[in-house]
Amino acid sequence: MNTDPINSSAVFYGSPIGKVNEQSIVNTCATLNIEMVKKYGRFDSAIFMGLGEGSLVERIGPKFDESVVVEASDLLIAQAQQRFAGMRGIHIVNSYFEKYKPAFGQKVSCILGNHVLEHLADPVEVLRKSLEWLKPGGISIFTVPNATSLHRRIGVALGVLQKSSDLSDQDKVVGHQRVYNSERLRSDVLAGGYTVVEEGGFNLKLVSQVQMVDWPESLHGAIYRVSRECPAEFCSNLFAVCRRR
């Protein structure tokens, strides 16, 4: 599979800033996902939309009886096949979301779509496709970067961004095609055939990830806990927990 653009952005995860991404986004996505699955779903089966640098699958995957990771990057697939070789119940599939078909029509209780919608040319098409993977009564959790976050507003005030919805240099490096606000996220999931069960925000940023290198895990954890009490419009990330209509 020729995935050179995807593989190019995948290199980001091994960089020092990629490590910050793991601490500030991936780990907190894992915490949020676990909270929402406990609240609304079941831990019997899941599809992970995308692999990233692998920590999310490593943390959450073993909680499910069976989980499938759908990833288009050959580079990330090769790394994951070694990393997860000894982990029971985790299956890795090299495919674009648009082309993915579960084996023998199998469906899952949970779809975890963490920071993937912003990468897609047509997120609504993929959202509609994902309904084919979900069991009746199952849940889908989607997380995205927030265009109205504090750090993007500060970027505008500094003149780094013309408007908060503009793509930053880092957005472009990792292949983002857009950033979301709450209204757009809700609009896309509704157009994709879902209904929203719960929505909100998490994480707070005042500075860029470049400026967050060497921040301790304890600080990232405290920021996440405080963010869950803050208005979603100020958070750096948004989430939506969804069921099929």
Foldseek 3Di string as FASTA:
>chain_A
DDDVLQQQLLVCCVDLLVVLCCLQPLVLLLVVVVVVCVVQWDQAEEEEEAQRQNPSCVSRVLSYQAYEYEHQDPVSVVVVCVVCVPPPRYHYDHDHLLPDADPPQEAGQEYEAEADLQQDPQSLSSLLSNLSRHDASHKYKYKFFALLAQQLVVCCVVVQDVGSFDQHPSCVSNRGPTGDHPVVVCVSNVSSQKDFPDKFAFFHDNHDSVVVRPPDSVVSVVRRVVRVVDGRSHHRMMMTMIHGD
